[in-house]
Amino acid sequence: MADKDDKGPAGRADAVRSAAVQAFQATAGQAGMTRERAQELADELVGAAGRVIGALDELRPASADDIRGLRDDLRALEGRVAALEAAVARPARTTKPKPKPKAS
């Protein structure tokens, strides 16, 4: 005799189909979490790479263009200092007070 729970080939196919759907749903949920974590890790990696690049830029020696720019800035600063020193060295102008008109 057949078991009460045995629904035949159609029942077993439905049970297998249901189990497969449940497995796919569970896997899809885990994949979504995995995708989010992978994105977080990628973002962290990009940030770390940016910090490494910044540190390497600070460590690299100055280029010829950098030095030229600094020289130009220094010359401009020297010119400003010379102008200020010349202004300080000049005697201050003294103005004579205008005579008051005499009352008649």
PDB file of N, CA and C in Angstrom:
ATOM      1  N   MET A   1       0.816  -1.176   0.000  1.00  0.00           N
ATOM      2  CA  MET A   1       0.000   0.000   0.000  1.00  0.00           C
ATOM      3  C   MET A   1       0.869   1.252   0.000  1.00  0.00           C
ATOM      4  N   ALA A   2       0.338   2.274  -0.552  1.00  0.00           N
ATOM      5  CA  ALA A   2       1.080   3.532  -0.640  1.00  0.00           C
ATOM      6  C   ALA A   2       0.932   4.300   0.659  1.00  0.00           C
ATOM      7  N   ASP A   3       1.981   5.000   0.993  1.00  0.00           N
ATOM      8  CA  ASP A   3       1.998   5.826   2.196  1.00  0.00           C
ATOM      9  C   ASP A   3       1.016   6.976   2.032  1.00  0.00           C
ATOM     10  N   LYS A   4       0.419   7.497   3.117  1.00  0.00           N
ATOM     11  CA  LYS A   4      -0.543   8.581   3.035  1.00  0.00           C
ATOM     12  C   LYS A   4       0.089   9.862   2.500  1.00  0.00           C
ATOM     13  N   ASP A   5       1.357  10.135   2.883  1.00  0.00           N
ATOM     14  CA  ASP A   5       2.021  11.364   2.466  1.00  0.00           C
ATOM     15  C   ASP A   5       2.543  11.299   1.048  1.00  0.00           C
ATOM     16  N   ASP A   6       2.570  10.105   0.480  1.00  0.00           N
ATOM     17  CA  ASP A   6       3.094   9.954  -0.882  1.00  0.00           C
ATOM     18  C   ASP A   6       2.058  10.464  -1.863  1.00  0.00           C
ATOM     19  N   LYS A   7       2.369  11.541  -2.556  1.00  0.00           N
ATOM     20  CA  LYS A   7       1.426  12.156  -3.486  1.00  0.00           C
ATOM     21  C   LYS A   7       1.742  11.790  -4.913  1.00  0.00           C
ATOM     22  N   GLY A   8       2.633  10.897  -5.115  1.00  0.00           N
ATOM     23  CA  GLY A   8       2.964  10.471  -6.458  1.00  0.00           C
ATOM     24  C   GLY A   8       4.007  11.371  -7.075  1.00  0.00           C
ATOM     25  N   PRO A   9       4.300  11.143  -8.345  1.00  0.00           N
ATOM     26  CA  PRO A   9       5.344  11.917  -9.020  1.00  0.00           C
ATOM     27  C   PRO A   9       5.038  13.402  -9.071  1.00  0.00           C
ATOM     28  N   ALA A  10       3.806  13.806  -9.228  1.00  0.00           N
ATOM     29  CA  ALA A  10       3.455  15.218  -9.301  1.00  0.00           C
ATOM     30  C   ALA A  10       3.700  15.895  -7.964  1.00  0.00           C
ATOM     31  N   GLY A  11       3.382  15.234  -6.876  1.00  0.00           N
ATOM     32  CA  GLY A  11       3.582  15.801  -5.546  1.00  0.00           C
ATOM     33  C   GLY A  11       5.058  15.956  -5.228  1.00  0.00           C
ATOM     34  N   ARG A  12       5.824  14.955  -5.638  1.00  0.00           N
ATOM     35  CA  ARG A  12       7.265  15.050  -5.404  1.00  0.00           C
ATOM     36  C   ARG A  12       7.877  16.161  -6.241  1.00  0.00           C
ATOM     37  N   ALA A  13       7.420  16.351  -7.432  1.00  0.00           N
ATOM     38  CA  ALA A  13       7.933  17.423  -8.297  1.00  0.00           C
ATOM     39  C   ALA A  13       7.623  18.785  -7.684  1.00  0.00           C
ATOM     40  N   ASP A  14       6.405  18.920  -7.140  1.00  0.00           N
ATOM     41  CA  ASP A  14       6.051  20.175  -6.478  1.00  0.00           C
ATOM     42  C   ASP A  14       6.927  20.418  -5.248  1.00  0.00           C
ATOM     43  N   ALA A  15       7.210  19.377  -4.497  1.00  0.00           N
ATOM     44  CA  ALA A  15       8.042  19.511  -3.302  1.00  0.00           C
ATOM     45  C   ALA A  15       9.467  19.909  -3.693  1.00  0.00           C
ATOM     46  N   VAL A  16      10.003  19.305  -4.744  1.00  0.00           N
ATOM     47  CA  VAL A  16      11.346  19.641  -5.216  1.00  0.00           C
ATOM     48  C   VAL A  16      11.369  21.080  -5.723  1.00  0.00           C
ATOM     49  N   ARG A  17      10.341  21.451  -6.488  1.00  0.00           N
ATOM     50  CA  ARG A  17      10.251  22.813  -7.020  1.00  0.00           C
ATOM     51  C   ARG A  17      10.195  23.823  -5.863  1.00  0.00           C
ATOM     52  N   SER A  18       9.397  23.543  -4.852  1.00  0.00           N
ATOM     53  CA  SER A  18       9.274  24.429  -3.702  1.00  0.00           C
ATOM     54  C   SER A  18      10.608  24.550  -2.959  1.00  0.00           C
ATOM     55  N   ALA A  19      11.289  23.437  -2.791  1.00  0.00           N
ATOM     56  CA  ALA A  19      12.586  23.461  -2.116  1.00  0.00           C
ATOM     57  C   ALA A  19      13.599  24.267  -2.931  1.00  0.00           C
ATOM     58  N   ALA A  20      13.568  24.134  -4.250  1.00  0.00           N
ATOM     59  CA  ALA A  20      14.488  24.875  -5.116  1.00  0.00           C
ATOM     60  C   ALA A  20      14.205  26.374  -5.035  1.00  0.00           C
ATOM     61  N   VAL A  21      12.934  26.757  -5.025  1.00  0.00           N
ATOM     62  CA  VAL A  21      12.566  28.169  -4.930  1.00  0.00           C
ATOM     63  C   VAL A  21      13.051  28.732  -3.600  1.00  0.00           C
ATOM     64  N   GLN A  22      12.859  27.993  -2.522  1.00  0.00           N
ATOM     65  CA  GLN A  22      13.323  28.453  -1.214  1.00  0.00           C
ATOM     66  C   GLN A  22      14.852  28.613  -1.194  1.00  0.00           C
ATOM     67  N   ALA A  23      15.535  27.661  -1.802  1.00  0.00           N
ATOM     68  CA  ALA A  23      16.998  27.733  -1.842  1.00  0.00           C
ATOM     69  C   ALA A  23      17.454  28.949  -2.642  1.00  0.00           C
ATOM     70  N   PHE A  24      16.813  29.207  -3.779  1.00  0.00           N
ATOM     71  CA  PHE A  24      17.177  30.379  -4.598  1.00  0.00           C
ATOM     72  C   PHE A  24      16.901  31.683  -3.843  1.00  0.00           C
ATOM     73  N   GLN A  25      15.782  31.754  -3.138  1.00  0.00           N
ATOM     74  CA  GLN A  25      15.453  32.956  -2.386  1.00  0.00           C
ATOM     75  C   GLN A  25      16.469  33.206  -1.269  1.00  0.00           C
ATOM     76  N   ALA A  26      16.843  32.140  -0.576  1.00  0.00           N
ATOM     77  CA  ALA A  26      17.829  32.278   0.494  1.00  0.00           C
ATOM     78  C   ALA A  26      19.177  32.715  -0.071  1.00  0.00           C
ATOM     79  N   THR A  27      19.565  32.140  -1.189  1.00  0.00           N
ATOM     80  CA  THR A  27      20.838  32.488  -1.821  1.00  0.00           C
ATOM     81  C   THR A  27      20.816  33.923  -2.336  1.00  0.00           C
ATOM     82  N   ALA A  28      19.690  34.345  -2.902  1.00  0.00           N
ATOM     83  CA  ALA A  28      19.584  35.716  -3.425  1.00  0.00           C
ATOM     84  C   ALA A  28      19.732  36.724  -2.289  1.00  0.00           C
ATOM     85  N   GLY A  29      19.144  36.435  -1.141  1.00  0.00           N
ATOM     86  CA  GLY A  29      19.276  37.328   0.004  1.00  0.00           C
ATOM     87  C   GLY A  29      20.720  37.422   0.466  1.00  0.00           C
ATOM     88  N   GLN A  30      21.411  36.283   0.497  1.00  0.00           N
ATOM     89  CA  GLN A  30      22.816  36.275   0.890  1.00  0.00           C
ATOM     90  C   GLN A  30      23.674  36.987  -0.146  1.00  0.00           C
ATOM     91  N   ALA A  31      23.329  36.841  -1.410  1.00  0.00           N
ATOM     92  CA  ALA A  31      24.089  37.503  -2.463  1.00  0.00           C
ATOM     93  C   ALA A  31      23.959  39.007  -2.346  1.00  0.00           C
ATOM     94  N   GLY A  32      22.771  39.483  -1.983  1.00  0.00           N
ATOM     95  CA  GLY A  32      22.579  40.923  -1.788  1.00  0.00           C
ATOM     96  C   GLY A  32      23.457  41.443  -0.667  1.00  0.00           C
ATOM     97  N   MET A  33      23.534  40.707   0.425  1.00  0.00           N
ATOM     98  CA  MET A  33      24.387  41.116   1.534  1.00  0.00           C
ATOM     99  C   MET A  33      25.857  41.050   1.122  1.00  0.00           C
ATOM    100  N   THR A  34      26.220  40.038   0.381  1.00  0.00           N
ATOM    101  CA  THR A  34      27.600  39.891  -0.083  1.00  0.00           C
ATOM    102  C   THR A  34      27.960  41.028  -1.020  1.00  0.00           C
ATOM    103  N   ARG A  35      27.045  41.409  -1.886  1.00  0.00           N
ATOM    104  CA  ARG A  35      27.279  42.503  -2.831  1.00  0.00           C
ATOM    105  C   ARG A  35      27.497  43.814  -2.069  1.00  0.00           C
ATOM    106  N   GLU A  36      26.678  44.053  -1.040  1.00  0.00           N
ATOM    107  CA  GLU A  36      26.829  45.265  -0.238  1.00  0.00           C
ATOM    108  C   GLU A  36      28.180  45.282   0.475  1.00  0.00           C
ATOM    109  N   ARG A  37      28.569  44.159   1.038  1.00  0.00           N
ATOM    110  CA  ARG A  37      29.859  44.081   1.739  1.00  0.00           C
ATOM    111  C   ARG A  37      31.010  44.255   0.756  1.00  0.00           C
ATOM    112  N   ALA A  38      30.875  43.691  -0.431  1.00  0.00           N
ATOM    113  CA  ALA A  38      31.921  43.856  -1.446  1.00  0.00           C
ATOM    114  C   ALA A  38      32.053  45.322  -1.834  1.00  0.00           C
ATOM    115  N   GLN A  39      30.931  46.036  -1.937  1.00  0.00           N
ATOM    116  CA  GLN A  39      30.975  47.459  -2.270  1.00  0.00           C
ATOM    117  C   GLN A  39      31.647  48.242  -1.149  1.00  0.00           C
ATOM    118  N   GLU A  40      31.332  47.897   0.107  1.00  0.00           N
ATOM    119  CA  GLU A  40      31.971  48.560   1.249  1.00  0.00           C
ATOM    120  C   GLU A  40      33.478  48.350   1.220  1.00  0.00           C
ATOM    121  N   LEU A  41      33.894  47.114   0.945  1.00  0.00           N
ATOM    122  CA  LEU A  41      35.325  46.818   0.878  1.00  0.00           C
ATOM    123  C   LEU A  41      35.994  47.569  -0.265  1.00  0.00           C
ATOM    124  N   ALA A  42      35.314  47.658  -1.406  1.00  0.00           N
ATOM    125  CA  ALA A  42      35.871  48.397  -2.545  1.00  0.00           C
ATOM    126  C   ALA A  42      36.013  49.873  -2.194  1.00  0.00           C
ATOM    127  N   ASP A  43      35.027  50.438  -1.513  1.00  0.00           N
ATOM    128  CA  ASP A  43      35.099  51.844  -1.099  1.00  0.00           C
ATOM    129  C   ASP A  43      36.260  52.067  -0.132  1.00  0.00           C
ATOM    130  N   GLU A  44      36.434  51.141   0.808  1.00  0.00           N
ATOM    131  CA  GLU A  44      37.550  51.251   1.750  1.00  0.00           C
ATOM    132  C   GLU A  44      38.889  51.162   1.022  1.00  0.00           C
ATOM    133  N   LEU A  45      38.967  50.288   0.043  1.00  0.00           N
ATOM    134  CA  LEU A  45      40.197  50.123  -0.729  1.00  0.00           C
ATOM    135  C   LEU A  45      40.524  51.387  -1.524  1.00  0.00           C
ATOM    136  N   VAL A  46      39.516  52.004  -2.107  1.00  0.00           N
ATOM    137  CA  VAL A  46      39.722  53.248  -2.858  1.00  0.00           C
ATOM    138  C   VAL A  46      40.221  54.344  -1.919  1.00  0.00           C
ATOM    139  N   GLY A  47      39.634  54.444  -0.739  1.00  0.00           N
ATOM    140  CA  GLY A  47      40.074  55.440   0.231  1.00  0.00           C
ATOM    141  C   GLY A  47      41.514  55.204   0.663  1.00  0.00           C
ATOM    142  N   ALA A  48      41.864  53.951   0.920  1.00  0.00           N
ATOM    143  CA  ALA A  48      43.231  53.634   1.330  1.00  0.00           C
ATOM    144  C   ALA A  48      44.212  53.935   0.203  1.00  0.00           C
ATOM    145  N   ALA A  49      43.835  53.623  -1.023  1.00  0.00           N
ATOM    146  CA  ALA A  49      44.705  53.912  -2.165  1.00  0.00           C
ATOM    147  C   ALA A  49      44.924  55.415  -2.305  1.00  0.00           C
ATOM    148  N   GLY A  50      43.892  56.198  -2.087  1.00  0.00           N
ATOM    149  CA  GLY A  50      44.027  57.653  -2.144  1.00  0.00           C
ATOM    150  C   GLY A  50      44.991  58.171  -1.090  1.00  0.00           C
ATOM    151  N   ARG A  51      44.912  57.595   0.110  1.00  0.00           N
ATOM    152  CA  ARG A  51      45.834  58.017   1.175  1.00  0.00           C
ATOM    153  C   ARG A  51      47.266  57.627   0.840  1.00  0.00           C
ATOM    154  N   VAL A  52      47.471  56.460   0.254  1.00  0.00           N
ATOM    155  CA  VAL A  52      48.819  56.026  -0.132  1.00  0.00           C
ATOM    156  C   VAL A  52      49.381  56.943  -1.213  1.00  0.00           C
ATOM    157  N   ILE A  53      48.565  57.282  -2.193  1.00  0.00           N
ATOM    158  CA  ILE A  53      49.009  58.179  -3.266  1.00  0.00           C
ATOM    159  C   ILE A  53      49.389  59.534  -2.687  1.00  0.00           C
ATOM    160  N   GLY A  54      48.580  60.038  -1.758  1.00  0.00           N
ATOM    161  CA  GLY A  54      48.892  61.317  -1.115  1.00  0.00           C
ATOM    162  C   GLY A  54      50.216  61.256  -0.358  1.00  0.00           C
ATOM    163  N   ALA A  55      50.437  60.164   0.349  1.00  0.00           N
ATOM    164  CA  ALA A  55      51.688  60.022   1.101  1.00  0.00           C
ATOM    165  C   ALA A  55      52.879  59.944   0.152  1.00  0.00           C
ATOM    166  N   LEU A  56      52.727  59.232  -0.950  1.00  0.00           N
ATOM    167  CA  LEU A  56      53.822  59.132  -1.921  1.00  0.00           C
ATOM    168  C   LEU A  56      54.107  60.479  -2.571  1.00  0.00           C
ATOM    169  N   ASP A  57      53.066  61.261  -2.835  1.00  0.00           N
ATOM    170  CA  ASP A  57      53.266  62.593  -3.409  1.00  0.00           C
ATOM    171  C   ASP A  57      54.065  63.479  -2.465  1.00  0.00           C
ATOM    172  N   GLU A  58      53.815  63.335  -1.162  1.00  0.00           N
ATOM    173  CA  GLU A  58      54.554  64.140  -0.190  1.00  0.00           C
ATOM    174  C   GLU A  58      56.011  63.709  -0.101  1.00  0.00           C
ATOM    175  N   LEU A  59      56.282  62.444  -0.367  1.00  0.00           N
ATOM    176  CA  LEU A  59      57.642  61.926  -0.246  1.00  0.00           C
ATOM    177  C   LEU A  59      58.492  62.151  -1.486  1.00  0.00           C
ATOM    178  N   ARG A  60      57.873  62.380  -2.617  1.00  0.00           N
ATOM    179  CA  ARG A  60      58.646  62.501  -3.858  1.00  0.00           C
ATOM    180  C   ARG A  60      59.428  63.803  -3.854  1.00  0.00           C
ATOM    181  N   PRO A  61      60.586  63.791  -4.473  1.00  0.00           N
ATOM    182  CA  PRO A  61      61.384  65.023  -4.529  1.00  0.00           C
ATOM    183  C   PRO A  61      60.716  66.060  -5.433  1.00  0.00           C
ATOM    184  N   ALA A  62      61.085  67.307  -5.207  1.00  0.00           N
ATOM    185  CA  ALA A  62      60.511  68.398  -6.000  1.00  0.00           C
ATOM    186  C   ALA A  62      60.995  68.292  -7.444  1.00  0.00           C
ATOM    187  N   SER A  63      60.099  68.593  -8.371  1.00  0.00           N
ATOM    188  CA  SER A  63      60.456  68.581  -9.787  1.00  0.00           C
ATOM    189  C   SER A  63      61.071  69.927 -10.166  1.00  0.00           C
ATOM    190  N   ALA A  64      61.606  69.995 -11.365  1.00  0.00           N
ATOM    191  CA  ALA A  64      62.196  71.248 -11.845  1.00  0.00           C
ATOM    192  C   ALA A  64      61.135  72.348 -11.899  1.00  0.00           C
ATOM    193  N   ASP A  65      59.923  71.992 -12.296  1.00  0.00           N
ATOM    194  CA  ASP A  65      58.834  72.978 -12.343  1.00  0.00           C
ATOM    195  C   ASP A  65      58.501  73.490 -10.935  1.00  0.00           C
ATOM    196  N   ASP A  66      58.506  72.574  -9.965  1.00  0.00           N
ATOM    197  CA  ASP A  66      58.243  72.987  -8.583  1.00  0.00           C
ATOM    198  C   ASP A  66      59.296  73.986  -8.117  1.00  0.00           C
ATOM    199  N   ILE A  67      60.549  73.699  -8.401  1.00  0.00           N
ATOM    200  CA  ILE A  67      61.645  74.571  -7.973  1.00  0.00           C
ATOM    201  C   ILE A  67      61.569  75.917  -8.686  1.00  0.00           C
ATOM    202  N   ARG A  68      61.259  75.895  -9.978  1.00  0.00           N
ATOM    203  CA  ARG A  68      61.102  77.157 -10.732  1.00  0.00           C
ATOM    204  C   ARG A  68      60.001  78.009 -10.118  1.00  0.00           C
ATOM    205  N   GLY A  69      58.898  77.384  -9.785  1.00  0.00           N
ATOM    206  CA  GLY A  69      57.785  78.108  -9.172  1.00  0.00           C
ATOM    207  C   GLY A  69      58.172  78.705  -7.831  1.00  0.00           C
ATOM    208  N   LEU A  70      58.912  77.942  -7.041  1.00  0.00           N
ATOM    209  CA  LEU A  70      59.362  78.466  -5.754  1.00  0.00           C
ATOM    210  C   LEU A  70      60.322  79.642  -5.931  1.00  0.00           C
ATOM    211  N   ARG A  71      61.198  79.549  -6.927  1.00  0.00           N
ATOM    212  CA  ARG A  71      62.119  80.660  -7.191  1.00  0.00           C
ATOM    213  C   ARG A  71      61.352  81.916  -7.596  1.00  0.00           C
ATOM    214  N   ASP A  72      60.344  81.746  -8.440  1.00  0.00           N
ATOM    215  CA  ASP A  72      59.528  82.894  -8.860  1.00  0.00           C
ATOM    216  C   ASP A  72      58.830  83.524  -7.656  1.00  0.00           C
ATOM    217  N   ASP A  73      58.284  82.680  -6.796  1.00  0.00           N
ATOM    218  CA  ASP A  73      57.616  83.183  -5.588  1.00  0.00           C
ATOM    219  C   ASP A  73      58.615  83.920  -4.688  1.00  0.00           C
ATOM    220  N   LEU A  74      59.811  83.376  -4.565  1.00  0.00           N
ATOM    221  CA  LEU A  74      60.834  84.002  -3.727  1.00  0.00           C
ATOM    222  C   LEU A  74      61.256  85.357  -4.285  1.00  0.00           C
ATOM    223  N   ARG A  75      61.420  85.452  -5.604  1.00  0.00           N
ATOM    224  CA  ARG A  75      61.780  86.736  -6.217  1.00  0.00           C
ATOM    225  C   ARG A  75      60.679  87.782  -5.984  1.00  0.00           C
ATOM    226  N   ALA A  76      59.448  87.373  -6.130  1.00  0.00           N
ATOM    227  CA  ALA A  76      58.333  88.300  -5.903  1.00  0.00           C
ATOM    228  C   ALA A  76      58.322  88.762  -4.441  1.00  0.00           C
ATOM    229  N   LEU A  77      58.577  87.838  -3.532  1.00  0.00           N
ATOM    230  CA  LEU A  77      58.610  88.180  -2.111  1.00  0.00           C
ATOM    231  C   LEU A  77      59.783  89.130  -1.813  1.00  0.00           C
ATOM    232  N   GLU A  78      60.924  88.872  -2.417  1.00  0.00           N
ATOM    233  CA  GLU A  78      62.074  89.755  -2.225  1.00  0.00           C
ATOM    234  C   GLU A  78      61.751  91.173  -2.699  1.00  0.00           C
ATOM    235  N   GLY A  79      61.056  91.279  -3.828  1.00  0.00           N
ATOM    236  CA  GLY A  79      60.658  92.588  -4.338  1.00  0.00           C
ATOM    237  C   GLY A  79      59.739  93.323  -3.374  1.00  0.00           C
ATOM    238  N   ARG A  80      58.802  92.592  -2.787  1.00  0.00           N
ATOM    239  CA  ARG A  80      57.883  93.215  -1.822  1.00  0.00           C
ATOM    240  C   ARG A  80      58.615  93.660  -0.571  1.00  0.00           C
ATOM    241  N   VAL A  81      59.559  92.835  -0.106  1.00  0.00           N
ATOM    242  CA  VAL A  81      60.331  93.191   1.086  1.00  0.00           C
ATOM    243  C   VAL A  81      61.173  94.432   0.802  1.00  0.00           C
ATOM    244  N   ALA A  82      61.814  94.484  -0.374  1.00  0.00           N
ATOM    245  CA  ALA A  82      62.638  95.647  -0.729  1.00  0.00           C
ATOM    246  C   ALA A  82      61.784  96.910  -0.770  1.00  0.00           C
ATOM    247  N   ALA A  83      60.589  96.813  -1.308  1.00  0.00           N
ATOM    248  CA  ALA A  83      59.708  97.976  -1.380  1.00  0.00           C
ATOM    249  C   ALA A  83      59.307  98.435   0.027  1.00  0.00           C
ATOM    250  N   LEU A  84      59.034  97.497   0.898  1.00  0.00           N
ATOM    251  CA  LEU A  84      58.670  97.855   2.273  1.00  0.00           C
ATOM    252  C   LEU A  84      59.853  98.485   3.010  1.00  0.00           C
ATOM    253  N   GLU A  85      61.046  97.914   2.795  1.00  0.00           N
ATOM    254  CA  GLU A  85      62.231  98.483   3.448  1.00  0.00           C
ATOM    255  C   GLU A  85      62.513  99.895   2.950  1.00  0.00           C
ATOM    256  N   ALA A  86      62.314 100.115   1.655  1.00  0.00           N
ATOM    257  CA  ALA A  86      62.532 101.448   1.095  1.00  0.00           C
ATOM    258  C   ALA A  86      61.523 102.439   1.676  1.00  0.00           C
ATOM    259  N   ALA A  87      60.302 101.991   1.866  1.00  0.00           N
ATOM    260  CA  ALA A  87      59.276 102.873   2.418  1.00  0.00           C
ATOM    261  C   ALA A  87      59.600 103.247   3.867  1.00  0.00           C
ATOM    262  N   VAL A  88      60.149 102.315   4.600  1.00  0.00           N
ATOM    263  CA  VAL A  88      60.492 102.575   5.994  1.00  0.00           C
ATOM    264  C   VAL A  88      61.707 103.504   6.063  1.00  0.00           C
ATOM    265  N   ALA A  89      62.644 103.366   5.136  1.00  0.00           N
ATOM    266  CA  ALA A  89      63.870 104.164   5.158  1.00  0.00           C
ATOM    267  C   ALA A  89      63.612 105.623   4.788  1.00  0.00           C
ATOM    268  N   ARG A  90      62.588 105.887   4.000  1.00  0.00           N
ATOM    269  CA  ARG A  90      62.276 107.268   3.629  1.00  0.00           C
ATOM    270  C   ARG A  90      61.816 108.038   4.841  1.00  0.00           C
ATOM    271  N   PRO A  91      62.287 109.270   4.975  1.00  0.00           N
ATOM    272  CA  PRO A  91      61.799 110.048   6.122  1.00  0.00           C
ATOM    273  C   PRO A  91      60.318 110.347   5.937  1.00  0.00           C
ATOM    274  N   ALA A  92      59.657 110.368   7.038  1.00  0.00           N
ATOM    275  CA  ALA A  92      58.224 110.646   6.991  1.00  0.00           C
ATOM    276  C   ALA A  92      58.026 112.097   6.592  1.00  0.00           C
ATOM    277  N   ARG A  93      57.064 112.350   5.791  1.00  0.00           N
ATOM    278  CA  ARG A  93      56.764 113.720   5.375  1.00  0.00           C
ATOM    279  C   ARG A  93      56.154 114.459   6.545  1.00  0.00           C
ATOM    280  N   THR A  94      56.648 115.601   6.742  1.00  0.00           N
ATOM    281  CA  THR A  94      56.039 116.438   7.780  1.00  0.00           C
ATOM    282  C   THR A  94      55.351 117.584   7.077  1.00  0.00           C
ATOM    283  N   THR A  95      54.198 117.803   7.460  1.00  0.00           N
ATOM    284  CA  THR A  95      53.453 118.914   6.860  1.00  0.00           C
ATOM    285  C   THR A  95      53.388 120.036   7.875  1.00  0.00           C
ATOM    286  N   LYS A  96      53.627 121.184   7.395  1.00  0.00           N
ATOM    287  CA  LYS A  96      53.535 122.347   8.267  1.00  0.00           C
ATOM    288  C   LYS A  96      52.070 122.717   8.400  1.00  0.00           C
ATOM    289  N   PRO A  97      51.697 123.065   9.591  1.00  0.00           N
ATOM    290  CA  PRO A  97      50.299 123.477   9.748  1.00  0.00           C
ATOM    291  C   PRO A  97      50.067 124.776   8.989  1.00  0.00           C
ATOM    292  N   LYS A  98      48.926 124.854   8.399  1.00  0.00           N
ATOM    293  CA  LYS A  98      48.565 126.067   7.658  1.00  0.00           C
ATOM    294  C   LYS A  98      48.362 127.200   8.653  1.00  0.00           C
ATOM    295  N   PRO A  99      48.862 128.378   8.288  1.00  0.00           N
ATOM    296  CA  PRO A  99      48.662 129.492   9.220  1.00  0.00           C
ATOM    297  C   PRO A  99      47.176 129.817   9.332  1.00  0.00           C
ATOM    298  N   LYS A 100      46.799 130.160  10.538  1.00  0.00           N
ATOM    299  CA  LYS A 100      45.393 130.517  10.779  1.00  0.00           C
ATOM    300  C   LYS A 100      45.179 131.925  10.274  1.00  0.00           C
ATOM    301  N   PRO A 101      44.075 132.150   9.635  1.00  0.00           N
ATOM    302  CA  PRO A 101      43.807 133.526   9.188  1.00  0.00           C
ATOM    303  C   PRO A 101      43.640 134.442  10.387  1.00  0.00           C
ATOM    304  N   LYS A 102      44.231 135.623  10.253  1.00  0.00           N
ATOM    305  CA  LYS A 102      44.158 136.587  11.359  1.00  0.00           C
ATOM    306  C   LYS A 102      42.793 137.256  11.352  1.00  0.00           C
ATOM    307  N   ALA A 103      42.321 137.395  12.507  1.00  0.00           N
ATOM    308  CA  ALA A 103      41.028 138.054  12.647  1.00  0.00           C
ATOM    309  C   ALA A 103      41.201 139.560  12.449  1.00  0.00           C
ATOM    310  N   SER A 104      40.362 140.183  11.720  1.00  0.00           N
ATOM    311  CA  SER A 104      40.499 141.615  11.486  1.00  0.00           C
ATOM    312  C   SER A 104      39.671 142.407  12.410  1.00  0.00           C
TER     313      SER A 104
END
